[in-house]
Amino acid sequence: MAQNAPEFGPVCQDAESLGRTLGLDSSRIANLAAPAQILSSGVPLLFVCLTSRADVDRVALNRAALTQCLERMGVEECPVYVFSLEPADDGALTYSRMFAPVFGIEEDPATGGASGPLFAYVRTYYPNAVTASGPFLNRQGVKLGRPSEIYMRPSPSGEEALAAPLGARIGGHAVFVGEGTLSVQAKA
């Protein structure tokens, strides 16, 4: 899917509040020069870069602390997307988890709609991590036991795209797990 450049929204540089929200020591927030920030390509999410993949796996979202953190930012409750740029032998640029209790989703194993904004965030705050046209791999859902591989590349594609607006093309593979039919009857 092609995604337009996301809107960059409010930031949170309160590491203590973020730590309470994520159930982590505030020192595990990667870099406050790359702030936790709301980005949206349709659905606003709070993106938080963590120091390591282990930190991503240790996140235990505190919804009450999240609500307070977002209120101080002047934002209504929204999903939280945590990730790390720590390299590993899987070739992934990012390792991530997404929590959306506001939508009744404790954790989502694959969030294509968040991957475009994630890629824009990384291109903006960590430009040295994105030095080619891709595709770049985002691993999500590992901790949940439902590993997903989401591929991200600049849109438009090609080397010149790295200087272009922060749109992205997102793709991956899916496993068919079921189907259904919904019938609706109007009352007379």
Protein backbone atom coordinates (compact mmCIF):
# COMPACT_ATOMS: atom_id res chain seq x y z
CA MET A 1 0.00 0.00 0.00
CA ALA A 2 1.18 3.53 -0.66
CA GLN A 3 0.96 5.95 2.23
CA ASN A 4 1.23 9.72 2.09
CA ALA A 5 3.73 11.58 4.20
CA PRO A 6 2.43 11.55 7.78
CA GLU A 7 1.59 14.57 9.86
CA PHE A 8 4.08 15.09 12.69
CA GLY A 9 2.21 16.14 15.82
CA PRO A 10 2.96 16.98 19.46
CA VAL A 11 6.06 15.65 21.19
CA CYS A 12 6.68 14.34 24.69
CA GLN A 13 10.12 14.88 26.16
CA ASP A 14 9.10 13.86 29.68
CA ALA A 15 11.16 10.68 30.06
CA GLU A 16 9.74 9.95 33.52
CA SER A 17 6.17 10.04 32.22
CA LEU A 18 7.10 7.87 29.24
CA GLY A 19 8.84 5.40 31.55
CA ARG A 20 5.71 5.11 33.74
CA THR A 21 3.59 4.69 30.62
CA LEU A 22 5.76 1.87 29.29
CA GLY A 23 6.65 0.22 32.60
CA LEU A 24 10.36 0.89 31.98
CA ASP A 25 13.09 2.90 33.60
CA SER A 26 13.21 6.28 31.83
CA SER A 27 16.84 5.62 30.84
CA ARG A 28 15.52 3.06 28.32
CA ILE A 29 14.02 5.81 26.16
CA ALA A 30 16.54 5.91 23.31
CA ASN A 31 17.19 9.56 22.71
CA LEU A 32 15.17 12.58 23.72
CA ALA A 33 16.69 14.46 20.77
CA ALA A 34 14.41 12.12 18.79
CA PRO A 35 11.32 12.74 20.91
CA ALA A 36 8.37 10.52 21.51
CA GLN A 37 5.96 12.02 19.01
CA ILE A 38 2.48 11.67 17.57
CA LEU A 39 2.53 10.84 13.85
CA SER A 40 -0.45 10.06 11.66
CA SER A 41 -1.12 8.85 8.14
CA GLY A 42 -4.77 8.44 9.08
CA VAL A 43 -4.63 7.13 12.66
CA PRO A 44 -2.56 9.09 15.21
CA LEU A 45 -0.04 6.99 17.14
CA LEU A 46 2.55 7.89 19.77
CA PHE A 47 5.94 6.66 18.51
CA VAL A 48 8.62 5.95 21.13
CA CYS A 49 12.12 4.76 20.26
CA LEU A 50 13.68 2.50 22.89
CA THR A 51 17.30 1.59 23.46
CA SER A 52 17.10 -2.13 22.69
CA ARG A 53 14.92 -4.94 21.41
CA ALA A 54 14.86 -6.34 24.94
CA ASP A 55 13.36 -3.04 26.11
CA VAL A 56 10.67 -3.33 23.42
CA ASP A 57 9.89 -6.83 24.69
CA ARG A 58 9.75 -5.62 28.33
CA VAL A 59 7.12 -2.94 27.72
CA ALA A 60 4.11 -3.32 29.99
CA LEU A 61 1.72 -0.54 28.99
CA ASN A 62 0.12 1.38 31.85
CA ARG A 63 -3.05 2.81 30.32
CA ALA A 64 -3.71 5.30 33.15
CA ALA A 65 -0.18 6.70 32.82
CA LEU A 66 -0.61 6.80 29.03
CA THR A 67 -3.80 8.83 29.37
CA GLN A 68 -2.09 11.30 31.70
CA CYS A 69 0.95 11.60 29.41
CA LEU A 70 -1.23 12.26 26.37
CA GLU A 71 -3.41 14.77 28.26
CA ARG A 72 -0.26 16.76 29.13
CA MET A 73 0.55 16.71 25.40
CA GLY A 74 -2.95 18.01 24.61
CA VAL A 75 -3.88 14.80 22.77
CA GLU A 76 -6.74 12.34 23.18
CA GLU A 77 -5.90 8.71 23.90
CA CYS A 78 -4.29 6.98 20.94
CA PRO A 79 -2.26 3.83 20.26
CA VAL A 80 1.40 3.58 21.29
CA TYR A 81 4.05 2.25 18.93
CA VAL A 82 7.38 1.32 20.53
CA PHE A 83 10.41 0.29 18.50
CA SER A 84 14.15 -0.12 18.55
CA LEU A 85 16.80 0.32 15.88
CA GLU A 86 19.09 -2.20 17.59
CA PRO A 87 20.52 -4.43 14.85
CA ALA A 88 20.30 -8.22 14.97
CA ASP A 89 20.96 -11.09 12.60
CA ASP A 90 17.44 -10.90 11.09
CA GLY A 91 18.25 -7.90 8.87
CA ALA A 92 15.46 -5.74 10.30
CA LEU A 93 15.83 -1.98 10.46
CA THR A 94 13.23 -1.79 13.25
CA TYR A 95 11.85 -4.14 15.89
CA SER A 96 8.46 -3.06 17.22
CA ARG A 97 5.24 -3.53 19.16
CA MET A 98 1.91 -1.66 18.93
CA PHE A 99 -0.61 -1.25 21.75
CA ALA A 100 -4.10 0.15 21.10
CA PRO A 101 -6.30 -0.30 24.18
CA VAL A 102 -8.35 2.70 23.02
CA PHE A 103 -9.53 0.45 20.14
CA GLY A 104 -9.86 -2.66 22.29
CA ILE A 105 -6.62 -4.08 20.91
CA GLU A 106 -4.18 -5.11 23.63
CA GLU A 107 -1.39 -5.66 21.09
CA ASP A 108 -1.39 -5.83 17.30
CA PRO A 109 1.03 -8.27 15.64
CA ALA A 110 1.23 -6.35 12.35
CA THR A 111 0.29 -2.71 11.84
CA GLY A 112 0.72 -1.67 8.22
CA GLY A 113 -0.94 1.69 8.84
CA ALA A 114 1.74 2.50 11.44
CA SER A 115 4.69 1.39 9.35
CA GLY A 116 4.60 4.39 7.00
CA PRO A 117 4.75 6.88 9.88
CA LEU A 118 7.40 4.69 11.56
CA PHE A 119 9.54 4.86 8.44
CA ALA A 120 9.07 8.65 8.23
CA TYR A 121 10.05 8.99 11.91
CA VAL A 122 13.23 6.96 11.36
CA ARG A 123 14.09 8.90 8.18
CA THR A 124 13.62 12.17 10.06
CA TYR A 125 15.38 11.46 13.35
CA TYR A 126 17.83 8.71 12.35
CA PRO A 127 18.74 9.57 8.73
CA ASN A 128 21.99 7.57 8.88
CA ALA A 129 19.92 4.40 9.37
CA VAL A 130 18.18 4.91 6.01
CA THR A 131 20.84 5.42 3.36
CA ALA A 132 19.40 3.41 0.45
CA SER A 133 16.06 3.00 -1.26
CA GLY A 134 15.19 -0.22 0.58
CA PRO A 135 13.12 -2.17 1.15
CA PHE A 136 13.64 -2.00 4.91
CA LEU A 137 12.24 -4.62 7.23
CA ASN A 138 10.15 -3.90 10.33
CA ARG A 139 9.69 -6.93 12.63
CA GLN A 140 6.56 -6.72 14.76
CA GLY A 141 4.57 -9.21 16.81
CA VAL A 142 7.58 -11.27 17.92
CA LYS A 143 6.91 -10.90 21.65
CA LEU A 144 3.24 -11.72 21.01
CA GLY A 145 4.27 -15.01 19.37
CA ARG A 146 2.89 -13.85 16.00
CA PRO A 147 5.98 -12.54 14.19
CA SER A 148 5.31 -10.30 11.23
CA GLU A 149 7.59 -8.87 8.58
CA ILE A 150 6.50 -5.54 7.14
CA TYR A 151 8.58 -4.06 4.33
CA MET A 152 8.97 -0.31 4.01
CA ARG A 153 10.45 1.75 1.22
CA PRO A 154 10.33 5.43 0.29
CA SER A 155 7.56 6.53 -2.05
CA PRO A 156 8.31 7.39 -4.77
CA SER A 157 10.87 4.59 -5.01
CA GLY A 158 14.47 4.82 -6.14
CA GLU A 159 17.55 6.51 -4.74
CA GLU A 160 16.13 10.00 -5.39
CA ALA A 161 13.25 9.18 -3.05
CA LEU A 162 15.47 9.66 -0.01
CA ALA A 163 15.37 13.41 -0.66
CA ALA A 164 11.63 13.33 -1.45
CA PRO A 165 8.72 13.83 0.96
CA LEU A 166 8.37 11.17 3.62
CA GLY A 167 5.72 9.01 1.97
CA ALA A 168 6.20 5.25 2.03
CA ARG A 169 5.16 2.04 0.36
CA ILE A 170 4.35 -0.74 2.81
CA GLY A 171 4.08 -4.44 2.06
CA GLY A 172 4.45 -7.91 3.46
CA HIS A 173 2.92 -11.34 3.41
CA ALA A 174 -0.20 -12.57 5.12
CA VAL A 175 -1.44 -15.96 6.19
CA PHE A 176 -5.07 -16.74 5.42
CA VAL A 177 -6.73 -17.84 8.66
CA GLY A 178 -10.42 -17.76 7.85
CA GLU A 179 -13.30 -16.24 5.98
CA GLY A 180 -16.91 -15.44 6.61
CA THR A 181 -20.09 -14.01 5.20
CA LEU A 182 -22.23 -11.35 6.75
CA SER A 183 -25.90 -11.14 5.82
CA VAL A 184 -27.92 -8.08 6.71
CA GLN A 185 -31.70 -8.04 6.54
CA ALA A 186 -33.63 -4.79 6.72
CA LYS A 187 -36.65 -4.68 9.00
CA ALA A 188 -39.89 -3.82 7.29
